[in-house]
Structures are given as structure tokens and as C-alpha cells.
């Protein structure tokens, strides 16, 4: 099994587990204000997982991409991050 793919998949599984835990925590707390705090915390975790997963993938592809293509990929990721984090 490819270690890069395994690392990316494990990060996504961790992300999904955190999401499920947060959902159960919201149900357990049973208060809108506390559920909103939990939900807001997830807004911080999501982009971090995206950055980490993308970084692992780019490192895995770095030997196969030309410098020009690598710049395009980085520009695309930057556009995603601006779109996600821009308020």
C-alpha cells in the first residue's frame, strides 16, 4: 500500500471521526449555544485537515510534477484556502 495514500486516508478518517464525535457531543449537550460552539470549533479543524492532506499529497507527487505544474497546483490550493477562509 502506498504510504502517501495511507497517510491521506488516515487523516480523512480522523477528520470524519472528529465530525462524528462533535455530532454526538452536540446531542449530549442538548443546548443550541453549546452546539454552536462545537460546530464553530469544527470550522477550524476542517481547513487544517485539508491543508495537511493536500500537503501530504503534494509531497508524494513532488518527484512526478514539473516545476510549472507544481506552481499551478499550489495556486489552486491557495485559491481554495482563500475561498474557505475569506470572510
N, C-alpha and C. Protein backbone atom coordinates (compact mmCIF):
# COMPACT_ATOMS: atom_id res chain seq x y z
N UNK A 1 0.84 -1.17 0.00
CA UNK A 1 0.00 0.00 0.00
C UNK A 1 0.89 1.24 0.00
N UNK A 2 0.50 2.22 -0.77
CA UNK A 2 1.24 3.47 -0.89
C UNK A 2 1.14 4.25 0.43
N UNK A 3 2.29 4.64 0.98
CA UNK A 3 2.31 5.32 2.28
C UNK A 3 1.67 6.70 2.21
N UNK A 4 1.82 7.37 1.08
CA UNK A 4 1.22 8.69 0.92
C UNK A 4 -0.30 8.59 0.95
N UNK A 5 -0.83 7.64 0.19
CA UNK A 5 -2.29 7.45 0.16
C UNK A 5 -2.79 7.02 1.53
N UNK A 6 -2.04 6.16 2.20
CA UNK A 6 -2.43 5.73 3.54
C UNK A 6 -2.47 6.92 4.50
N UNK A 7 -1.48 7.78 4.44
CA UNK A 7 -1.45 8.97 5.30
C UNK A 7 -2.63 9.88 5.03
N UNK A 8 -2.93 10.10 3.76
CA UNK A 8 -4.07 10.95 3.39
C UNK A 8 -5.38 10.34 3.88
N UNK A 9 -5.53 9.04 3.69
CA UNK A 9 -6.75 8.35 4.11
C UNK A 9 -6.91 8.38 5.64
N UNK A 10 -5.80 8.19 6.36
CA UNK A 10 -5.88 8.22 7.82
C UNK A 10 -6.28 9.60 8.33
N UNK A 11 -5.76 10.65 7.69
CA UNK A 11 -6.17 12.00 8.09
C UNK A 11 -7.66 12.21 7.84
N UNK A 12 -8.16 11.72 6.72
CA UNK A 12 -9.59 11.86 6.42
C UNK A 12 -10.43 11.04 7.40
N UNK A 13 -9.95 9.87 7.79
CA UNK A 13 -10.67 9.07 8.78
C UNK A 13 -10.69 9.79 10.13
N UNK A 14 -9.56 10.41 10.49
CA UNK A 14 -9.51 11.19 11.72
C UNK A 14 -10.50 12.34 11.65
N UNK A 15 -10.54 13.02 10.53
CA UNK A 15 -11.48 14.12 10.35
C UNK A 15 -12.93 13.66 10.49
N UNK A 16 -13.25 12.54 9.87
CA UNK A 16 -14.60 12.00 9.96
C UNK A 16 -14.95 11.59 11.39
N UNK A 17 -13.98 11.03 12.09
CA UNK A 17 -14.21 10.63 13.48
C UNK A 17 -14.46 11.85 14.36
N UNK A 18 -13.71 12.92 14.11
CA UNK A 18 -13.92 14.16 14.87
C UNK A 18 -15.31 14.71 14.59
N UNK A 19 -15.73 14.65 13.33
CA UNK A 19 -17.07 15.14 12.97
C UNK A 19 -18.16 14.33 13.69
N UNK A 20 -18.01 13.00 13.70
CA UNK A 20 -18.99 12.17 14.39
C UNK A 20 -19.00 12.44 15.89
N UNK A 21 -17.82 12.57 16.48
CA UNK A 21 -17.72 12.88 17.89
C UNK A 21 -18.42 14.20 18.20
N UNK A 22 -18.21 15.20 17.34
CA UNK A 22 -18.84 16.51 17.54
C UNK A 22 -20.36 16.40 17.46
N UNK A 23 -20.85 15.59 16.52
CA UNK A 23 -22.30 15.43 16.39
C UNK A 23 -22.89 14.79 17.65
N UNK A 24 -22.23 13.75 18.15
CA UNK A 24 -22.72 13.12 19.38
C UNK A 24 -22.61 14.07 20.57
N UNK A 25 -21.56 14.87 20.60
CA UNK A 25 -21.40 15.84 21.67
C UNK A 25 -22.52 16.88 21.63
N UNK A 26 -22.87 17.33 20.44
CA UNK A 26 -23.99 18.28 20.32
C UNK A 26 -25.28 17.68 20.86
N UNK A 27 -25.52 16.42 20.51
CA UNK A 27 -26.73 15.75 21.02
C UNK A 27 -26.69 15.62 22.53
N UNK A 28 -25.52 15.30 23.05
CA UNK A 28 -25.37 15.12 24.50
C UNK A 28 -25.57 16.44 25.25
N UNK A 29 -25.01 17.52 24.70
CA UNK A 29 -25.14 18.83 25.35
C UNK A 29 -26.57 19.35 25.30
N UNK A 30 -27.25 19.11 24.18
CA UNK A 30 -28.67 19.43 24.01
C UNK A 30 -29.00 20.90 24.27
N UNK A 31 -28.04 21.78 23.93
CA UNK A 31 -28.27 23.22 24.06
C UNK A 31 -27.73 23.91 22.80
N UNK A 32 -28.53 24.80 22.25
CA UNK A 32 -28.17 25.42 20.98
C UNK A 32 -26.86 26.20 21.08
N UNK A 33 -26.68 26.96 22.15
CA UNK A 33 -25.46 27.77 22.27
C UNK A 33 -24.20 26.91 22.35
N UNK A 34 -24.27 25.82 23.10
CA UNK A 34 -23.11 24.93 23.21
C UNK A 34 -22.88 24.15 21.92
N UNK A 35 -23.96 23.76 21.26
CA UNK A 35 -23.83 23.07 19.97
C UNK A 35 -23.20 23.99 18.93
N UNK A 36 -23.53 25.25 18.99
CA UNK A 36 -22.94 26.23 18.07
C UNK A 36 -21.45 26.39 18.32
N UNK A 37 -21.04 26.35 19.57
CA UNK A 37 -19.61 26.41 19.90
C UNK A 37 -18.88 25.20 19.35
N UNK A 38 -19.47 24.02 19.52
CA UNK A 38 -18.86 22.80 18.98
C UNK A 38 -18.77 22.89 17.46
N UNK A 39 -19.82 23.35 16.83
CA UNK A 39 -19.84 23.48 15.38
C UNK A 39 -18.79 24.48 14.89
N UNK A 40 -18.63 25.57 15.61
CA UNK A 40 -17.63 26.57 15.25
C UNK A 40 -16.22 26.02 15.38
N UNK A 41 -16.02 25.16 16.35
CA UNK A 41 -14.71 24.53 16.52
C UNK A 41 -14.37 23.66 15.31
N UNK A 42 -15.38 23.03 14.74
CA UNK A 42 -15.15 22.21 13.55
C UNK A 42 -14.71 23.05 12.36
N UNK A 43 -15.14 24.31 12.33
CA UNK A 43 -14.74 25.20 11.24
C UNK A 43 -13.24 25.46 11.26
N UNK A 44 -12.61 25.30 12.40
CA UNK A 44 -11.15 25.44 12.48
C UNK A 44 -10.44 24.17 12.07
N UNK A 45 -11.02 23.04 12.40
CA UNK A 45 -10.37 21.76 12.14
C UNK A 45 -10.40 21.39 10.65
N UNK A 46 -11.52 21.67 9.99
CA UNK A 46 -11.67 21.30 8.58
C UNK A 46 -10.57 21.81 7.68
N UNK A 47 -10.29 23.12 7.69
CA UNK A 47 -9.21 23.63 6.84
C UNK A 47 -7.83 23.07 7.20
N UNK A 48 -7.60 22.82 8.48
CA UNK A 48 -6.32 22.24 8.87
C UNK A 48 -6.14 20.84 8.29
N UNK A 49 -7.19 20.05 8.32
CA UNK A 49 -7.14 18.71 7.73
C UNK A 49 -6.94 18.82 6.22
N UNK A 50 -7.64 19.76 5.59
CA UNK A 50 -7.48 19.97 4.15
C UNK A 50 -6.04 20.32 3.80
N UNK A 51 -5.44 21.24 4.55
CA UNK A 51 -4.06 21.64 4.30
C UNK A 51 -3.11 20.46 4.50
N UNK A 52 -3.29 19.73 5.58
CA UNK A 52 -2.41 18.60 5.88
C UNK A 52 -2.52 17.51 4.82
N UNK A 53 -3.74 17.18 4.42
CA UNK A 53 -3.95 16.13 3.42
C UNK A 53 -3.38 16.56 2.08
N UNK A 54 -3.61 17.80 1.70
CA UNK A 54 -3.08 18.31 0.43
C UNK A 54 -1.56 18.34 0.46
N UNK A 55 -0.99 18.72 1.58
CA UNK A 55 0.47 18.76 1.70
C UNK A 55 1.06 17.37 1.53
N UNK A 56 0.47 16.39 2.17
CA UNK A 56 0.96 15.01 2.03
C UNK A 56 0.88 14.58 0.57
N UNK A 57 -0.24 14.88 -0.08
CA UNK A 57 -0.39 14.51 -1.49
C UNK A 57 0.62 15.21 -2.38
N UNK A 58 0.86 16.49 -2.14
CA UNK A 58 1.83 17.22 -2.94
C UNK A 58 3.25 16.71 -2.73
N UNK A 59 3.58 16.37 -1.51
CA UNK A 59 4.90 15.80 -1.25
C UNK A 59 5.04 14.47 -1.99
N UNK A 60 3.97 13.69 -2.01
CA UNK A 60 4.00 12.41 -2.73
C UNK A 60 4.14 12.59 -4.23
N UNK A 61 3.62 13.69 -4.77
CA UNK A 61 3.70 13.95 -6.20
C UNK A 61 4.89 14.79 -6.62
N UNK A 62 5.62 15.33 -5.66
CA UNK A 62 6.65 16.31 -5.98
C UNK A 62 7.70 15.79 -6.96
N UNK A 63 8.01 14.52 -6.91
CA UNK A 63 9.01 14.00 -7.85
C UNK A 63 8.42 13.75 -9.24
N UNK A 64 7.11 13.75 -9.37
CA UNK A 64 6.46 13.47 -10.66
C UNK A 64 5.98 14.73 -11.37
N UNK A 65 5.93 15.87 -10.65
CA UNK A 65 5.43 17.11 -11.24
C UNK A 65 6.58 18.00 -11.69
N UNK A 66 6.39 18.64 -12.84
CA UNK A 66 7.36 19.65 -13.26
C UNK A 66 7.15 20.89 -12.40
N UNK A 67 8.11 21.78 -12.42
CA UNK A 67 8.02 23.00 -11.60
C UNK A 67 6.79 23.82 -11.99
N UNK A 68 6.51 23.92 -13.29
CA UNK A 68 5.36 24.68 -13.76
C UNK A 68 4.04 24.11 -13.26
N UNK A 69 3.89 22.80 -13.34
CA UNK A 69 2.66 22.16 -12.86
C UNK A 69 2.53 22.29 -11.35
N UNK A 70 3.65 22.21 -10.66
CA UNK A 70 3.63 22.34 -9.21
C UNK A 70 3.14 23.73 -8.81
N UNK A 71 3.57 24.76 -9.54
CA UNK A 71 3.11 26.13 -9.27
C UNK A 71 1.60 26.22 -9.48
N UNK A 72 1.08 25.59 -10.53
CA UNK A 72 -0.37 25.61 -10.78
C UNK A 72 -1.14 24.92 -9.66
N UNK A 73 -0.62 23.82 -9.17
CA UNK A 73 -1.28 23.10 -8.07
C UNK A 73 -1.28 23.96 -6.81
N UNK A 74 -0.16 24.57 -6.49
CA UNK A 74 -0.07 25.42 -5.31
C UNK A 74 -1.01 26.61 -5.45
N UNK A 75 -1.09 27.19 -6.65
CA UNK A 75 -2.01 28.31 -6.88
C UNK A 75 -3.47 27.87 -6.68
N UNK A 76 -3.80 26.68 -7.14
CA UNK A 76 -5.15 26.16 -6.95
C UNK A 76 -5.48 25.95 -5.48
N UNK A 77 -4.54 25.41 -4.73
CA UNK A 77 -4.75 25.20 -3.29
C UNK A 77 -4.89 26.56 -2.60
N UNK A 78 -4.08 27.53 -3.01
CA UNK A 78 -4.19 28.87 -2.43
C UNK A 78 -5.57 29.47 -2.69
N UNK A 79 -6.08 29.28 -3.90
CA UNK A 79 -7.43 29.77 -4.21
C UNK A 79 -8.48 29.09 -3.33
N UNK A 80 -8.33 27.79 -3.12
CA UNK A 80 -9.26 27.08 -2.24
C UNK A 80 -9.22 27.65 -0.82
N UNK A 81 -8.03 27.86 -0.31
CA UNK A 81 -7.89 28.36 1.05
C UNK A 81 -8.45 29.78 1.18
N UNK A 82 -8.22 30.62 0.18
CA UNK A 82 -8.77 31.97 0.21
C UNK A 82 -10.29 31.89 0.21
N UNK A 83 -10.85 31.03 -0.62
CA UNK A 83 -12.30 30.87 -0.68
C UNK A 83 -12.89 30.34 0.61
N UNK A 84 -12.18 29.46 1.27
CA UNK A 84 -12.69 28.87 2.51
C UNK A 84 -12.55 29.84 3.68
N UNK A 85 -11.42 30.50 3.78
CA UNK A 85 -11.12 31.30 4.96
C UNK A 85 -11.52 32.77 4.84
N UNK A 86 -11.83 33.22 3.65
CA UNK A 86 -12.19 34.63 3.43
C UNK A 86 -13.53 34.93 4.08
N UNK A 87 -13.59 36.02 4.81
CA UNK A 87 -14.85 36.39 5.47
C UNK A 87 -15.49 37.55 4.80
